[in-house]
N, C-alpha and C. Protein backbone atom coordinates (compact mmCIF):
# COMPACT_ATOMS: atom_id res chain seq x y z
N MET A 1 0.91 -0.86 0.01
CA MET A 1 -0.04 -0.10 -0.09
C MET A 1 1.11 1.50 0.21
N PRO A 2 0.75 2.10 -1.23
CA PRO A 2 1.62 3.68 -0.72
C PRO A 2 1.09 4.38 0.47
N ASP A 3 2.41 5.02 0.29
CA ASP A 3 1.71 6.43 1.77
C ASP A 3 0.58 7.19 0.99
N TRP A 4 -0.38 7.33 2.19
CA TRP A 4 -1.68 7.49 1.55
C TRP A 4 -1.10 9.38 1.22
N ARG A 5 -0.20 9.87 1.51
CA ARG A 5 0.40 11.49 1.59
C ARG A 5 0.60 11.39 0.41
N SER A 6 1.17 10.46 -0.16
CA SER A 6 1.96 10.51 -1.62
C SER A 6 0.92 10.62 -2.49
N VAL A 7 -0.27 9.45 -2.50
CA VAL A 7 -1.27 9.28 -3.35
C VAL A 7 -2.34 10.35 -3.42
N LEU A 8 -2.28 11.61 -2.29
CA LEU A 8 -2.66 12.83 -2.39
C LEU A 8 -1.96 13.66 -3.07
N ARG A 9 -1.05 13.61 -3.50
CA ARG A 9 -0.19 14.52 -4.01
C ARG A 9 -0.10 14.45 -5.36
N GLU A 10 0.20 12.99 -5.47
CA GLU A 10 0.38 12.49 -6.83
C GLU A 10 -1.25 12.79 -7.49
N LYS A 11 -2.33 12.80 -7.33
CA LYS A 11 -3.86 13.02 -7.67
C LYS A 11 -3.84 14.45 -7.55
N GLY A 12 -2.94 15.81 -7.04
CA GLY A 12 -3.51 16.94 -7.45
C GLY A 12 -4.12 17.18 -5.77
N TYR A 13 -3.96 16.80 -4.51
CA TYR A 13 -4.93 17.07 -3.57
C TYR A 13 -3.62 17.59 -2.59
N ARG A 14 -3.99 18.35 -1.88
CA ARG A 14 -3.39 19.02 -0.70
C ARG A 14 -3.74 18.01 0.47
N LEU A 15 -2.45 18.15 1.22
CA LEU A 15 -2.29 17.66 2.24
C LEU A 15 -2.79 18.29 3.34
N THR A 16 -4.63 18.15 3.81
CA THR A 16 -5.04 18.79 4.95
C THR A 16 -5.27 18.20 5.95
N PRO A 17 -5.05 18.51 7.17
CA PRO A 17 -5.36 18.47 8.58
C PRO A 17 -6.23 17.64 8.84
N GLN A 18 -7.73 17.80 7.86
CA GLN A 18 -9.18 17.36 8.14
C GLN A 18 -8.95 15.97 7.60
N ARG A 19 -8.03 16.03 6.68
CA ARG A 19 -7.97 14.85 5.44
C ARG A 19 -6.96 13.53 6.44
N GLU A 20 -5.87 14.06 7.07
CA GLU A 20 -5.86 13.43 7.97
C GLU A 20 -6.40 12.70 8.82
N LEU A 21 -7.01 14.08 9.78
CA LEU A 21 -7.81 13.39 10.82
C LEU A 21 -9.14 12.26 10.42
N ILE A 22 -9.61 12.47 9.38
CA ILE A 22 -10.54 11.43 8.93
C ILE A 22 -10.29 10.32 8.71
N LEU A 23 -8.82 10.19 7.47
CA LEU A 23 -8.16 9.18 7.45
C LEU A 23 -7.84 8.10 8.37
N GLY A 24 -7.61 8.94 9.69
CA GLY A 24 -6.93 8.37 10.49
C GLY A 24 -7.87 8.03 11.68
N ALA A 25 -8.90 8.49 11.74
CA ALA A 25 -10.27 7.90 12.19
C ALA A 25 -10.94 6.75 11.68
N VAL A 26 -10.76 6.59 10.28
CA VAL A 26 -11.51 5.47 9.66
C VAL A 26 -10.42 4.25 10.19
N GLU A 27 -8.78 4.33 10.06
CA GLU A 27 -8.55 3.51 10.66
C GLU A 27 -8.76 2.91 12.00
N GLU A 28 -8.56 4.25 12.46
CA GLU A 28 -8.42 3.52 14.00
C GLU A 28 -9.72 2.58 14.15
N LEU A 29 -10.80 3.15 13.74
CA LEU A 29 -12.32 2.57 13.72
C LEU A 29 -12.40 1.26 13.17
N GLY A 30 -11.94 1.15 12.48
CA GLY A 30 -11.85 -0.61 11.64
C GLY A 30 -13.23 -0.60 10.33
N HIS A 31 -14.32 -0.49 11.26
CA HIS A 31 -15.18 -0.10 10.41
C HIS A 31 -16.39 1.20 11.00
N ALA A 32 -16.33 2.11 10.18
CA ALA A 32 -17.30 2.80 10.56
C ALA A 32 -18.04 3.56 9.62
N THR A 33 -19.48 4.23 10.01
CA THR A 33 -20.34 4.86 8.96
C THR A 33 -19.61 6.35 9.13
N PRO A 34 -20.10 7.16 8.17
CA PRO A 34 -19.59 8.68 8.11
C PRO A 34 -20.19 9.22 9.45
N ASP A 35 -21.52 8.81 10.23
CA ASP A 35 -21.75 9.36 11.53
C ASP A 35 -20.64 9.20 12.76
N GLU A 36 -20.34 8.01 12.64
CA GLU A 36 -19.00 7.38 13.49
C GLU A 36 -17.81 8.34 13.34
N VAL A 37 -17.74 8.22 11.87
CA VAL A 37 -16.27 9.00 11.29
C VAL A 37 -16.39 10.56 12.24
N LEU A 38 -17.37 11.41 12.22
CA LEU A 38 -18.00 12.60 11.88
C LEU A 38 -17.10 12.88 14.15
N ALA A 39 -18.26 11.60 14.13
CA ALA A 39 -17.83 12.21 15.87
C ALA A 39 -16.41 12.07 16.24
N HIS A 40 -15.91 10.75 15.86
CA HIS A 40 -14.53 10.45 16.56
C HIS A 40 -13.79 11.86 15.76
N VAL A 41 -13.99 12.32 14.88
CA VAL A 41 -12.86 13.65 14.54
C VAL A 41 -13.75 14.69 15.09
N GLN A 42 -14.79 15.15 15.26
CA GLN A 42 -15.19 16.44 16.06
C GLN A 42 -14.35 15.94 17.80
N GLU A 43 -14.16 15.02 18.31
CA GLU A 43 -13.59 14.64 19.34
C GLU A 43 -12.11 15.32 19.47
N ARG A 44 -11.52 15.55 18.51
CA ARG A 44 -10.19 15.94 18.05
C ARG A 44 -9.90 17.47 17.63
N ALA A 45 -11.24 17.70 16.75
CA ALA A 45 -11.17 18.85 15.96
C ALA A 45 -12.70 19.25 15.95
N SER A 46 -13.36 19.98 17.01
CA SER A 46 -14.59 20.18 17.17
C SER A 46 -15.10 21.29 15.92
N THR A 47 -14.22 21.51 15.30
CA THR A 47 -14.91 22.79 14.28
C THR A 47 -14.92 22.37 12.89
N ILE A 48 -14.78 21.02 12.80
CA ILE A 48 -14.80 19.79 11.39
C ILE A 48 -16.41 19.77 11.29
N ASN A 49 -16.92 19.67 9.67
CA ASN A 49 -18.38 19.91 10.04
C ASN A 49 -18.85 18.46 8.99
N PRO A 50 -19.85 18.15 9.23
CA PRO A 50 -20.38 17.10 8.66
C PRO A 50 -20.20 16.95 7.00
N SER A 51 -20.56 18.03 6.34
CA SER A 51 -20.10 18.39 4.94
C SER A 51 -18.83 17.81 4.27
N THR A 52 -17.38 18.29 5.33
CA THR A 52 -16.55 17.92 4.55
C THR A 52 -15.45 16.70 5.18
N VAL A 53 -16.67 16.08 6.35
CA VAL A 53 -15.99 14.28 6.17
C VAL A 53 -16.83 13.65 5.21
N TYR A 54 -18.15 13.93 4.93
CA TYR A 54 -18.75 13.48 3.64
C TYR A 54 -17.95 13.18 2.59
N ARG A 55 -17.34 14.58 2.15
CA ARG A 55 -16.71 14.76 0.92
C ARG A 55 -15.51 14.18 0.80
N THR A 56 -14.64 14.37 1.94
CA THR A 56 -13.15 13.88 2.33
C THR A 56 -13.52 12.17 1.87
N LEU A 57 -14.81 11.59 2.93
CA LEU A 57 -14.90 10.31 2.50
C LEU A 57 -14.72 9.47 1.14
N GLU A 58 -15.50 10.62 0.41
CA GLU A 58 -15.96 10.26 -0.92
C GLU A 58 -14.55 10.56 -1.80
N VAL A 59 -13.77 11.51 -1.32
CA VAL A 59 -12.53 11.66 -2.17
C VAL A 59 -11.46 10.59 -1.63
N LEU A 60 -11.37 10.48 -0.37
CA LEU A 60 -10.50 8.69 -0.29
C LEU A 60 -10.96 7.51 -0.63
N GLU A 61 -12.08 7.65 -0.88
CA GLU A 61 -12.44 6.19 -1.72
C GLU A 61 -11.99 6.15 -3.43
N GLU A 62 -12.33 7.25 -3.70
CA GLU A 62 -11.74 7.69 -5.55
C GLU A 62 -10.94 7.46 -5.48
N LEU A 63 -9.79 7.54 -4.00
CA LEU A 63 -8.17 7.77 -4.56
C LEU A 63 -7.55 6.23 -4.24
N GLY A 64 -8.83 5.19 -3.52
CA GLY A 64 -8.34 3.98 -3.33
C GLY A 64 -7.90 3.52 -2.13
N LEU A 65 -7.85 5.02 -1.19
CA LEU A 65 -7.19 4.98 -0.03
C LEU A 65 -8.17 4.50 1.46
N ILE A 66 -9.58 4.30 1.12
CA ILE A 66 -10.82 3.14 1.89
C ILE A 66 -11.56 2.85 0.66
N ARG A 67 -12.80 1.83 1.14
CA ARG A 67 -13.35 1.35 0.43
C ARG A 67 -14.89 1.24 1.56
N HIS A 68 -15.78 1.20 0.84
CA HIS A 68 -16.68 0.74 1.64
C HIS A 68 -17.37 -0.16 1.36
N ALA A 69 -18.32 -0.17 2.32
CA ALA A 69 -19.46 -1.70 2.56
C ALA A 69 -20.85 -1.51 2.83
N HIS A 70 -21.95 -1.66 2.49
CA HIS A 70 -23.17 -1.75 3.32
C HIS A 70 -23.41 -3.42 4.52
N LEU A 71 -23.04 -3.04 5.55
CA LEU A 71 -23.30 -3.54 6.64
C LEU A 71 -24.58 -3.84 7.25
N SER A 72 -25.41 -2.66 6.83
CA SER A 72 -26.68 -2.81 7.48
C SER A 72 -27.79 -2.19 6.09
N ASP A 73 -28.77 -1.84 6.29
CA ASP A 73 -29.66 -1.09 5.50
C ASP A 73 -29.51 0.91 5.77
N ARG A 74 -28.68 0.95 6.62
CA ARG A 74 -28.35 2.31 6.88
C ARG A 74 -27.06 2.90 6.25
N ALA A 75 -26.50 3.52 6.79
CA ALA A 75 -25.36 4.54 5.54
C ALA A 75 -24.37 3.14 5.77
N PRO A 76 -23.58 3.71 4.40
CA PRO A 76 -22.35 2.94 4.33
C PRO A 76 -21.46 2.73 5.23
N THR A 77 -20.69 1.87 5.48
CA THR A 77 -19.49 1.42 6.45
C THR A 77 -18.08 1.41 5.83
N TYR A 78 -17.33 2.60 6.11
CA TYR A 78 -16.26 2.78 5.37
C TYR A 78 -14.88 1.88 6.26
N HIS A 79 -13.96 1.18 5.80
CA HIS A 79 -12.61 1.31 6.44
C HIS A 79 -11.48 0.84 5.24
N SER A 80 -10.40 0.83 5.89
CA SER A 80 -9.18 1.29 5.43
C SER A 80 -8.84 0.21 4.49
N VAL A 81 -7.98 0.56 3.48
CA VAL A 81 -7.34 -0.64 2.14
C VAL A 81 -6.01 -0.91 2.95
N THR A 82 -5.49 -0.41 4.13
CA THR A 82 -3.81 -0.84 4.75
C THR A 82 -4.17 -2.53 5.08
N ASP A 83 -5.34 -2.55 5.47
CA ASP A 83 -5.55 -4.02 5.85
C ASP A 83 -5.73 -5.22 4.63
N HIS A 84 -5.93 -5.97 5.28
CA HIS A 84 -5.56 -7.43 3.88
C HIS A 84 -7.46 -7.29 3.60
N GLU A 85 -7.30 -7.44 2.13
CA GLU A 85 -8.33 -7.42 0.93
C GLU A 85 -9.28 -8.41 1.56
N HIS A 86 -10.15 -8.01 2.25
CA HIS A 86 -11.65 -8.81 2.99
C HIS A 86 -12.98 -8.60 2.68
N PHE A 87 -13.75 -9.51 3.04
CA PHE A 87 -15.40 -9.24 2.48
C PHE A 87 -15.78 -9.33 3.75
N HIS A 88 -17.21 -9.07 4.15
CA HIS A 88 -17.44 -9.28 5.50
C HIS A 88 -18.51 -10.55 5.76
N LEU A 89 -18.95 -10.48 6.87
CA LEU A 89 -20.10 -11.35 7.56
C LEU A 89 -20.66 -10.89 8.80
N VAL A 90 -21.92 -10.67 8.48
CA VAL A 90 -22.89 -9.80 9.26
C VAL A 90 -24.25 -10.23 9.99
N CYS A 91 -23.97 -10.85 11.04
CA CYS A 91 -25.28 -11.54 11.77
C CYS A 91 -26.02 -10.56 12.05
N ARG A 92 -27.68 -11.09 11.14
CA ARG A 92 -28.92 -10.42 11.50
C ARG A 92 -29.17 -10.13 12.56
N ARG A 93 -28.83 -10.91 13.82
CA ARG A 93 -29.78 -11.22 14.81
C ARG A 93 -28.35 -10.14 15.86
N CYS A 94 -27.41 -10.30 16.79
CA CYS A 94 -25.94 -9.56 17.16
C CYS A 94 -25.17 -8.59 16.68
N ARG A 95 -25.78 -8.43 14.99
CA ARG A 95 -25.39 -7.61 14.38
C ARG A 95 -23.46 -7.70 14.48
N LYS A 96 -23.19 -8.15 14.90
CA LYS A 96 -21.53 -8.66 14.67
C LYS A 96 -20.91 -8.97 13.31
N VAL A 97 -19.68 -8.35 13.31
CA VAL A 97 -19.32 -8.05 11.66
C VAL A 97 -18.06 -8.73 11.61
N THR A 98 -17.70 -9.93 10.82
CA THR A 98 -16.70 -10.29 10.95
C THR A 98 -15.76 -10.53 9.35
N SER A 99 -14.67 -10.33 9.41
CA SER A 99 -13.60 -10.15 8.42
C SER A 99 -13.35 -11.36 7.89
N VAL A 100 -13.57 -11.29 6.74
CA VAL A 100 -13.22 -12.61 6.31
C VAL A 100 -12.11 -12.50 4.62
N ASP A 101 -11.13 -13.24 4.97
CA ASP A 101 -9.69 -13.01 3.89
C ASP A 101 -10.54 -13.46 2.41
N VAL A 102 -10.52 -12.81 1.44
CA VAL A 102 -11.08 -12.97 0.13
C VAL A 102 -10.49 -14.55 -0.28
N GLU A 103 -9.37 -15.18 -0.12
CA GLU A 103 -9.13 -16.38 -0.06
C GLU A 103 -10.41 -17.39 0.26
N ASP A 104 -11.17 -17.15 1.26
CA ASP A 104 -12.27 -18.26 1.72
C ASP A 104 -13.79 -18.15 0.09
N ALA A 105 -13.07 -17.37 -0.61
CA ALA A 105 -14.49 -17.06 -1.58
C ALA A 105 -13.84 -17.48 -2.89
N ARG A 106 -12.15 -17.93 -3.02
CA ARG A 106 -11.98 -18.40 -3.97
C ARG A 106 -12.93 -18.62 -5.39
N GLY A 107 -13.39 -20.24 -4.65
CA GLY A 107 -14.58 -21.12 -5.50
C GLY A 107 -15.50 -20.13 -6.22
N PHE A 108 -15.98 -19.47 -5.11
CA PHE A 108 -17.29 -18.84 -5.75
C PHE A 108 -16.71 -17.72 -6.64
N MET A 109 -15.72 -16.98 -6.47
CA MET A 109 -15.33 -16.14 -7.72
C MET A 109 -15.18 -16.65 -8.52
N GLU A 110 -14.33 -17.68 -8.29
CA GLU A 110 -14.10 -18.46 -9.80
C GLU A 110 -14.86 -19.00 -10.62
N SER A 111 -16.37 -19.73 -10.06
CA SER A 111 -17.21 -19.86 -10.33
C SER A 111 -18.08 -18.79 -11.01
N LEU A 112 -18.45 -17.84 -10.55
CA LEU A 112 -19.01 -16.59 -11.60
C LEU A 112 -17.83 -16.10 -12.58
N THR A 113 -16.72 -16.11 -12.36
CA THR A 113 -15.83 -15.95 -13.50
C THR A 113 -16.44 -17.50 -14.52
N THR A 114 -16.03 -18.15 -14.14
CA THR A 114 -16.13 -19.23 -15.26
C THR A 114 -17.27 -19.90 -16.06
N THR A 115 -18.56 -19.56 -15.14
CA THR A 115 -20.07 -19.64 -15.18
C THR A 115 -20.57 -18.10 -16.11
N HIS A 116 -20.31 -17.47 -15.60
CA HIS A 116 -21.80 -16.03 -15.74
C HIS A 116 -20.67 -15.10 -16.57
N ALA A 117 -19.05 -15.61 -16.58
CA ALA A 117 -18.05 -14.23 -17.42
C ALA A 117 -18.18 -13.06 -16.59
N PHE A 118 -18.10 -12.74 -15.20
CA PHE A 118 -18.51 -12.29 -14.41
C PHE A 118 -17.19 -11.96 -13.29
N ASN A 119 -16.08 -10.76 -13.42
CA ASN A 119 -14.97 -10.73 -12.48
C ASN A 119 -15.89 -10.11 -11.31
N PRO A 120 -16.06 -10.64 -9.91
CA PRO A 120 -16.81 -9.97 -8.87
C PRO A 120 -15.60 -9.33 -8.21
N ASP A 121 -16.07 -8.02 -7.27
CA ASP A 121 -15.17 -7.15 -6.49
C ASP A 121 -15.51 -7.82 -5.28
N VAL A 122 -15.06 -8.81 -4.50
CA VAL A 122 -15.19 -9.39 -3.51
C VAL A 122 -15.42 -8.41 -2.15
N GLY A 123 -14.24 -7.61 -2.51
CA GLY A 123 -14.07 -6.65 -1.41
C GLY A 123 -15.40 -5.67 -0.95
N HIS A 124 -16.61 -5.88 -1.76
CA HIS A 124 -17.62 -4.95 -1.62
C HIS A 124 -18.90 -5.82 -0.96
N LEU A 125 -17.98 -6.75 -0.94
CA LEU A 125 -19.47 -8.17 -0.45
C LEU A 125 -19.60 -8.35 0.59
N THR A 126 -21.21 -8.32 1.14
CA THR A 126 -21.48 -8.33 2.36
C THR A 126 -22.41 -9.52 2.81
N VAL A 127 -22.11 -10.74 3.34
CA VAL A 127 -23.13 -11.64 3.49
C VAL A 127 -23.76 -11.30 5.08
N PHE A 128 -24.85 -11.79 4.95
CA PHE A 128 -25.68 -11.49 5.63
C PHE A 128 -26.30 -12.97 6.32
N GLY A 129 -26.80 -13.31 8.21
CA GLY A 129 -26.92 -14.40 8.27
C GLY A 129 -26.58 -14.55 9.64
N THR A 130 -26.49 -16.00 10.53
CA THR A 130 -26.93 -16.04 11.54
C THR A 130 -25.39 -16.49 11.56
N CYS A 131 -24.69 -16.13 13.22
CA CYS A 131 -23.68 -16.47 13.55
C CYS A 131 -23.89 -18.03 14.23
N MET A 132 -22.91 -18.34 14.58
CA MET A 132 -23.20 -19.99 15.52
C MET A 132 -23.85 -19.46 16.82
N GLU A 133 -23.03 -18.78 17.48
CA GLU A 133 -23.53 -18.15 18.79
C GLU A 133 -25.02 -17.88 19.34
N CYS A 134 -25.51 -17.02 18.23
CA CYS A 134 -27.09 -16.72 17.78
C CYS A 134 -27.86 -17.57 17.65
N GLU A 135 -27.13 -18.49 17.30
CA GLU A 135 -27.97 -20.02 16.27
C GLU A 135 -28.05 -21.07 17.69
N GLU A 136 -27.01 -21.08 18.60
CA GLU A 136 -26.85 -22.04 19.73
C GLU A 136 -28.27 -21.41 20.55
N LYS A 137 -28.38 -19.99 20.47
CA LYS A 137 -29.38 -19.56 21.85
C LYS A 137 -31.20 -19.67 21.41
N THR A 138 -31.12 -20.25 20.21
CA THR A 138 -32.36 -20.86 19.73
C THR A 138 -32.82 -21.64 19.95
């Protein structure tokens, strides 16, 4: 993963304290909605406004520094790409989110490519179901 500061400069973006705060928040929080990122950065810089956070998240995703996934029926959840490429499992009962290495979906991805002539973006994939802990409580 290239240094995010270099990526910003190469693409003609300025290196601002707000961008640094927002990217740092995404990395610290792991998986976070825009509102969670906003709350996190406002603890450090109370003057930052919501529109700056939303615009910056979009820019950082366009640059490939963060990704989003839909882990609920609400706002997208952002996560850093400095971590390994992964997809998500979400328990519908307890809402636990598990990050899964893309290698675990290799057979599925190959099947989509071979059978349907389709190249999936598995890093954007979220699979909903029930974790074993919740299943055992039933």
